């Protein structure tokens, strides 16, 4: 018997943004899906407009599994995770051990098929797209919270916006220019 898929199904129980008041709670399963959708889009944008050779489906799969360690570790808020280099290093080791534990739940014959997805072992350009999509997803969460009147996310939005501007990927800048503004609109405005 393998517990792998049962463990993955528990992603819906791990809440994000634990230190902040949320108008709409978000779990890591929802976040992973949004990250996968955005990463896939970034890969297509790169291929179509910037002459890249991304594999959109591979990028999407990597994004689906990018938070798998949090099934075991939970979601450690960024202000805590990144404040102290020693803590960040220790947490990275903990994430690696958690990924290994989830990987070991697979039948031996399937482990090689999932290893790269679970451990983020792929082309640097693919991993960069997943990381950018992760940031964009967090930024979009901030925009949605602010649209709902929750000013708790104002500083996080500013910080993430600055981070996104530093990402040296034309796909990201295209996404920000052409897709992000819609996230501040109402449903009626989107339907016009």
C-alpha atoms as a PDB file:
ATOM      1  CA  UNK A   1       0.000   0.000   0.000  1.00  0.00           C
ATOM      2  CA  UNK A   2       1.219   3.517  -0.833  1.00  0.00           C
ATOM      3  CA  UNK A   3       0.189   6.667   1.033  1.00  0.00           C
ATOM      4  CA  UNK A   4       1.585   9.015  -1.654  1.00  0.00           C
ATOM      5  CA  UNK A   5      -1.658  10.247  -3.205  1.00  0.00           C
ATOM      6  CA  UNK A   6      -3.488  10.315   0.121  1.00  0.00           C
ATOM      7  CA  UNK A   7      -0.744  12.581   1.467  1.00  0.00           C
ATOM      8  CA  UNK A   8      -0.949  14.837  -1.603  1.00  0.00           C
ATOM      9  CA  UNK A   9      -4.705  15.122  -1.078  1.00  0.00           C
ATOM     10  CA  UNK A  10      -3.979  16.669   2.329  1.00  0.00           C
ATOM     11  CA  UNK A  11      -2.527  19.760   0.649  1.00  0.00           C
ATOM     12  CA  UNK A  12      -6.007  21.265   0.938  1.00  0.00           C
ATOM     13  CA  UNK A  13      -5.628  21.353   4.729  1.00  0.00           C
ATOM     14  CA  UNK A  14      -2.428  23.440   4.795  1.00  0.00           C
ATOM     15  CA  UNK A  15      -3.352  27.112   4.962  1.00  0.00           C
ATOM     16  CA  UNK A  16      -1.159  29.899   3.583  1.00  0.00           C
ATOM     17  CA  UNK A  17      -0.656  33.415   4.952  1.00  0.00           C
ATOM     18  CA  UNK A  18      -0.927  32.167   8.537  1.00  0.00           C
ATOM     19  CA  UNK A  19       0.145  35.430  10.172  1.00  0.00           C
ATOM     20  CA  UNK A  20      -2.314  37.583   8.245  1.00  0.00           C
ATOM     21  CA  UNK A  21      -6.058  38.100   8.376  1.00  0.00           C
ATOM     22  CA  UNK A  22      -7.540  36.777   5.137  1.00  0.00           C
ATOM     23  CA  UNK A  23     -10.894  37.650   3.596  1.00  0.00           C
ATOM     24  CA  UNK A  24     -10.542  34.485   1.502  1.00  0.00           C
ATOM     25  CA  UNK A  25      -8.451  31.657   2.987  1.00  0.00           C
ATOM     26  CA  UNK A  26      -5.996  30.001   0.617  1.00  0.00           C
ATOM     27  CA  UNK A  27      -4.508  26.535   0.978  1.00  0.00           C
ATOM     28  CA  UNK A  28      -1.418  25.121  -0.699  1.00  0.00           C
ATOM     29  CA  UNK A  29      -3.460  22.979  -3.071  1.00  0.00           C
ATOM     30  CA  UNK A  30      -5.246  26.057  -4.448  1.00  0.00           C
ATOM     31  CA  UNK A  31      -1.980  27.963  -4.550  1.00  0.00           C
ATOM     32  CA  UNK A  32      -0.215  25.129  -6.381  1.00  0.00           C
ATOM     33  CA  UNK A  33      -2.929  24.992  -9.028  1.00  0.00           C
ATOM     34  CA  UNK A  34      -2.760  28.754  -9.582  1.00  0.00           C
ATOM     35  CA  UNK A  35       1.041  28.611  -9.722  1.00  0.00           C
ATOM     36  CA  UNK A  36       0.828  25.787 -12.278  1.00  0.00           C
ATOM     37  CA  UNK A  37      -1.627  27.740 -14.444  1.00  0.00           C
ATOM     38  CA  UNK A  38       0.544  30.859 -14.346  1.00  0.00           C
ATOM     39  CA  UNK A  39       3.794  28.920 -14.941  1.00  0.00           C
ATOM     40  CA  UNK A  40       2.234  27.206 -17.943  1.00  0.00           C
ATOM     41  CA  UNK A  41       1.184  30.589 -19.303  1.00  0.00           C
ATOM     42  CA  UNK A  42       4.643  32.048 -18.750  1.00  0.00           C
ATOM     43  CA  UNK A  43       6.188  29.164 -20.678  1.00  0.00           C
ATOM     44  CA  UNK A  44       3.813  29.697 -23.598  1.00  0.00           C
ATOM     45  CA  UNK A  45       4.458  33.455 -23.556  1.00  0.00           C
ATOM     46  CA  UNK A  46       8.209  32.809 -23.613  1.00  0.00           C
ATOM     47  CA  UNK A  47       7.896  30.430 -26.538  1.00  0.00           C
ATOM     48  CA  UNK A  48       5.511  32.600 -28.537  1.00  0.00           C
ATOM     49  CA  UNK A  49       7.007  36.049 -28.036  1.00  0.00           C
ATOM     50  CA  UNK A  50      10.593  35.572 -26.914  1.00  0.00           C
ATOM     51  CA  UNK A  51      11.938  32.635 -28.914  1.00  0.00           C
ATOM     52  CA  UNK A  52      12.276  30.343 -25.903  1.00  0.00           C
ATOM     53  CA  UNK A  53      12.149  26.582 -25.909  1.00  0.00           C
ATOM     54  CA  UNK A  54      10.158  25.962 -22.730  1.00  0.00           C
ATOM     55  CA  UNK A  55       8.143  22.792 -22.197  1.00  0.00           C
ATOM     56  CA  UNK A  56       4.866  24.291 -20.858  1.00  0.00           C
ATOM     57  CA  UNK A  57       3.477  20.980 -19.592  1.00  0.00           C
ATOM     58  CA  UNK A  58       6.710  20.156 -17.768  1.00  0.00           C
ATOM     59  CA  UNK A  59       6.754  23.613 -16.155  1.00  0.00           C
ATOM     60  CA  UNK A  60       3.145  23.136 -15.125  1.00  0.00           C
ATOM     61  CA  UNK A  61       3.910  19.749 -13.554  1.00  0.00           C
ATOM     62  CA  UNK A  62       6.863  21.174 -11.637  1.00  0.00           C
ATOM     63  CA  UNK A  63       4.615  23.920 -10.291  1.00  0.00           C
ATOM     64  CA  UNK A  64       1.946  21.434  -9.173  1.00  0.00           C
ATOM     65  CA  UNK A  65       4.496  19.788  -6.881  1.00  0.00           C
ATOM     66  CA  UNK A  66       6.493  22.880  -5.814  1.00  0.00           C
ATOM     67  CA  UNK A  67       4.937  23.056  -2.310  1.00  0.00           C
ATOM     68  CA  UNK A  68       4.799  19.315  -1.620  1.00  0.00           C
ATOM     69  CA  UNK A  69       7.134  19.584   1.388  1.00  0.00           C
ATOM     70  CA  UNK A  70       4.576  21.784   3.155  1.00  0.00           C
ATOM     71  CA  UNK A  71       2.282  18.771   3.562  1.00  0.00           C
ATOM     72  CA  UNK A  72       4.691  17.832   6.350  1.00  0.00           C
ATOM     73  CA  UNK A  73       6.283  21.152   7.372  1.00  0.00           C
ATOM     74  CA  UNK A  74       3.268  23.426   7.041  1.00  0.00           C
ATOM     75  CA  UNK A  75       3.619  26.885   5.498  1.00  0.00           C
ATOM     76  CA  UNK A  76       6.258  28.901   7.312  1.00  0.00           C
ATOM     77  CA  UNK A  77       5.551  32.606   6.682  1.00  0.00           C
ATOM     78  CA  UNK A  78       8.163  34.373   4.537  1.00  0.00           C
ATOM     79  CA  UNK A  79       8.978  37.063   7.123  1.00  0.00           C
ATOM     80  CA  UNK A  80      10.066  34.300   9.502  1.00  0.00           C
ATOM     81  CA  UNK A  81      11.693  32.040   6.894  1.00  0.00           C
ATOM     82  CA  UNK A  82      13.844  34.750   5.317  1.00  0.00           C
ATOM     83  CA  UNK A  83      14.747  36.884   8.336  1.00  0.00           C
ATOM     84  CA  UNK A  84      17.618  34.752   9.620  1.00  0.00           C
ATOM     85  CA  UNK A  85      20.037  32.999   7.205  1.00  0.00           C
ATOM     86  CA  UNK A  86      20.662  30.167   9.673  1.00  0.00           C
ATOM     87  CA  UNK A  87      16.931  29.557  10.082  1.00  0.00           C
ATOM     88  CA  UNK A  88      16.457  29.704   6.301  1.00  0.00           C
ATOM     89  CA  UNK A  89      19.211  27.131   5.824  1.00  0.00           C
ATOM     90  CA  UNK A  90      17.762  24.835   8.490  1.00  0.00           C
ATOM     91  CA  UNK A  91      14.279  25.168   7.006  1.00  0.00           C
ATOM     92  CA  UNK A  92      15.635  24.318   3.536  1.00  0.00           C
ATOM     93  CA  UNK A  93      17.110  21.112   4.979  1.00  0.00           C
ATOM     94  CA  UNK A  94      13.762  20.347   6.654  1.00  0.00           C
ATOM     95  CA  UNK A  95      11.973  20.880   3.315  1.00  0.00           C
ATOM     96  CA  UNK A  96      14.401  18.485   1.641  1.00  0.00           C
ATOM     97  CA  UNK A  97      13.764  15.844   4.292  1.00  0.00           C
ATOM     98  CA  UNK A  98       9.991  16.340   3.911  1.00  0.00           C
ATOM     99  CA  UNK A  99      10.237  15.949   0.128  1.00  0.00           C
ATOM    100  CA  UNK A 100      12.260  12.773   0.650  1.00  0.00           C
ATOM    101  CA  UNK A 101       9.633  11.408   3.034  1.00  0.00           C
ATOM    102  CA  UNK A 102       6.850  12.025   0.504  1.00  0.00           C
ATOM    103  CA  UNK A 103       9.011  10.541  -2.283  1.00  0.00           C
ATOM    104  CA  UNK A 104       9.642   7.429  -0.181  1.00  0.00           C
ATOM    105  CA  UNK A 105       5.869   6.850   0.041  1.00  0.00           C
ATOM    106  CA  UNK A 106       5.844   5.911  -3.627  1.00  0.00           C
ATOM    107  CA  UNK A 107       6.256   2.309  -4.740  1.00  0.00           C
ATOM    108  CA  UNK A 108       9.931   1.786  -5.605  1.00  0.00           C
ATOM    109  CA  UNK A 109       9.141   1.318  -9.304  1.00  0.00           C
ATOM    110  CA  UNK A 110       7.518   4.802  -9.519  1.00  0.00           C
ATOM    111  CA  UNK A 111      10.075   6.807  -7.586  1.00  0.00           C
ATOM    112  CA  UNK A 112      12.236   7.631 -10.603  1.00  0.00           C
ATOM    113  CA  UNK A 113       9.151   9.029 -12.381  1.00  0.00           C
ATOM    114  CA  UNK A 114       8.414  11.510  -9.592  1.00  0.00           C
ATOM    115  CA  UNK A 115      11.863  12.366  -8.259  1.00  0.00           C
ATOM    116  CA  UNK A 116      12.561  15.380 -10.473  1.00  0.00           C
ATOM    117  CA  UNK A 117       9.056  16.777  -9.899  1.00  0.00           C
ATOM    118  CA  UNK A 118       9.226  16.438  -6.137  1.00  0.00           C
ATOM    119  CA  UNK A 119      12.750  17.800  -5.826  1.00  0.00           C
ATOM    120  CA  UNK A 120      12.565  20.492  -8.513  1.00  0.00           C
ATOM    121  CA  UNK A 121      15.301  18.925 -10.612  1.00  0.00           C
ATOM    122  CA  UNK A 122      14.975  20.372 -14.091  1.00  0.00           C
ATOM    123  CA  UNK A 123      16.295  22.978 -16.492  1.00  0.00           C
ATOM    124  CA  UNK A 124      17.142  26.247 -14.767  1.00  0.00           C
ATOM    125  CA  UNK A 125      14.801  28.154 -17.068  1.00  0.00           C
ATOM    126  CA  UNK A 126      11.875  25.921 -16.070  1.00  0.00           C
ATOM    127  CA  UNK A 127      12.604  26.344 -12.377  1.00  0.00           C
ATOM    128  CA  UNK A 128      12.868  30.116 -12.845  1.00  0.00           C
ATOM    129  CA  UNK A 129       9.400  30.165 -14.414  1.00  0.00           C
ATOM    130  CA  UNK A 130       7.943  28.202 -11.487  1.00  0.00           C
ATOM    131  CA  UNK A 131       9.588  30.560  -8.991  1.00  0.00           C
ATOM    132  CA  UNK A 132       8.264  33.578 -10.901  1.00  0.00           C
ATOM    133  CA  UNK A 133       4.768  32.066 -11.068  1.00  0.00           C
ATOM    134  CA  UNK A 134       4.913  31.441  -7.314  1.00  0.00           C
ATOM    135  CA  UNK A 135       5.698  35.143  -6.732  1.00  0.00           C
ATOM    136  CA  UNK A 136       3.006  36.226  -9.165  1.00  0.00           C
ATOM    137  CA  UNK A 137       0.454  34.030  -7.398  1.00  0.00           C
ATOM    138  CA  UNK A 138       1.313  35.614  -4.056  1.00  0.00           C
ATOM    139  CA  UNK A 139       1.090  39.073  -5.621  1.00  0.00           C
ATOM    140  CA  UNK A 140      -2.322  38.285  -7.114  1.00  0.00           C
ATOM    141  CA  UNK A 141      -3.501  37.081  -3.702  1.00  0.00           C
ATOM    142  CA  UNK A 142      -2.506  40.481  -2.314  1.00  0.00           C
ATOM    143  CA  UNK A 143      -4.430  42.288  -5.054  1.00  0.00           C
ATOM    144  CA  UNK A 144      -7.533  40.202  -4.380  1.00  0.00           C
ATOM    145  CA  UNK A 145      -7.330  40.837  -0.635  1.00  0.00           C
ATOM    146  CA  UNK A 146      -6.884  44.572  -1.205  1.00  0.00           C
ATOM    147  CA  UNK A 147      -9.816  44.573  -3.640  1.00  0.00           C
ATOM    148  CA  UNK A 148     -11.864  43.029  -0.815  1.00  0.00           C
ATOM    149  CA  UNK A 149     -10.913  45.908   1.476  1.00  0.00           C
ATOM    150  CA  UNK A 150      -8.280  44.038   3.465  1.00  0.00           C
ATOM    151  CA  UNK A 151      -5.400  46.481   3.919  1.00  0.00           C
ATOM    152  CA  UNK A 152      -3.488  43.789   5.853  1.00  0.00           C
ATOM    153  CA  UNK A 153      -1.915  42.860   2.483  1.00  0.00           C
ATOM    154  CA  UNK A 154      -0.757  46.364   1.448  1.00  0.00           C
ATOM    155  CA  UNK A 155       2.895  45.987   2.498  1.00  0.00           C
ATOM    156  CA  UNK A 156       3.104  42.442   1.166  1.00  0.00           C
ATOM    157  CA  UNK A 157       1.830  43.722  -2.193  1.00  0.00           C
ATOM    158  CA  UNK A 158       4.501  46.434  -2.273  1.00  0.00           C
ATOM    159  CA  UNK A 159       7.244  43.976  -1.381  1.00  0.00           C
ATOM    160  CA  UNK A 160       6.116  41.394  -3.936  1.00  0.00           C
ATOM    161  CA  UNK A 161       5.713  44.034  -6.630  1.00  0.00           C
ATOM    162  CA  UNK A 162       9.316  45.124  -6.052  1.00  0.00           C
ATOM    163  CA  UNK A 163      10.456  41.483  -6.190  1.00  0.00           C
ATOM    164  CA  UNK A 164       8.579  40.888  -9.445  1.00  0.00           C
ATOM    165  CA  UNK A 165      10.117  43.968 -11.064  1.00  0.00           C
ATOM    166  CA  UNK A 166      13.532  42.451 -10.334  1.00  0.00           C
ATOM    167  CA  UNK A 167      12.762  39.202 -12.148  1.00  0.00           C
ATOM    168  CA  UNK A 168      14.747  39.243 -15.374  1.00  0.00           C
ATOM    169  CA  UNK A 169      12.305  37.247 -17.484  1.00  0.00           C
ATOM    170  CA  UNK A 170      10.430  38.967 -20.318  1.00  0.00           C
ATOM    171  CA  UNK A 171       7.605  36.453 -19.869  1.00  0.00           C
ATOM    172  CA  UNK A 172       6.943  37.872 -16.414  1.00  0.00           C
ATOM    173  CA  UNK A 173       6.874  41.468 -17.582  1.00  0.00           C
ATOM    174  CA  UNK A 174       4.452  40.501 -20.371  1.00  0.00           C
ATOM    175  CA  UNK A 175       2.201  38.733 -17.855  1.00  0.00           C
ATOM    176  CA  UNK A 176       2.268  41.750 -15.533  1.00  0.00           C
ATOM    177  CA  UNK A 177       1.419  44.132 -18.352  1.00  0.00           C
ATOM    178  CA  UNK A 178      -1.308  42.109 -20.067  1.00  0.00           C
ATOM    179  CA  UNK A 179      -2.895  39.936 -17.391  1.00  0.00           C
ATOM    180  CA  UNK A 180      -2.375  41.377 -13.906  1.00  0.00           C
ATOM    181  CA  UNK A 181      -4.594  44.494 -14.313  1.00  0.00           C
ATOM    182  CA  UNK A 182      -7.673  42.288 -14.719  1.00  0.00           C
ATOM    183  CA  UNK A 183      -7.280  40.997 -11.160  1.00  0.00           C
ATOM    184  CA  UNK A 184      -8.291  44.423  -9.808  1.00  0.00           C
ATOM    185  CA  UNK A 185     -11.585  44.456 -11.725  1.00  0.00           C
ATOM    186  CA  UNK A 186     -15.033  43.422 -10.564  1.00  0.00           C
ATOM    187  CA  UNK A 187     -16.927  40.589 -12.243  1.00  0.00           C
ATOM    188  CA  UNK A 188     -19.140  43.122 -14.028  1.00  0.00           C
ATOM    189  CA  UNK A 189     -16.032  44.905 -15.347  1.00  0.00           C
ATOM    190  CA  UNK A 190     -14.557  41.597 -16.536  1.00  0.00           C
ATOM    191  CA  UNK A 191     -17.800  40.749 -18.372  1.00  0.00           C
ATOM    192  CA  UNK A 192     -17.922  44.004 -20.388  1.00  0.00           C
END
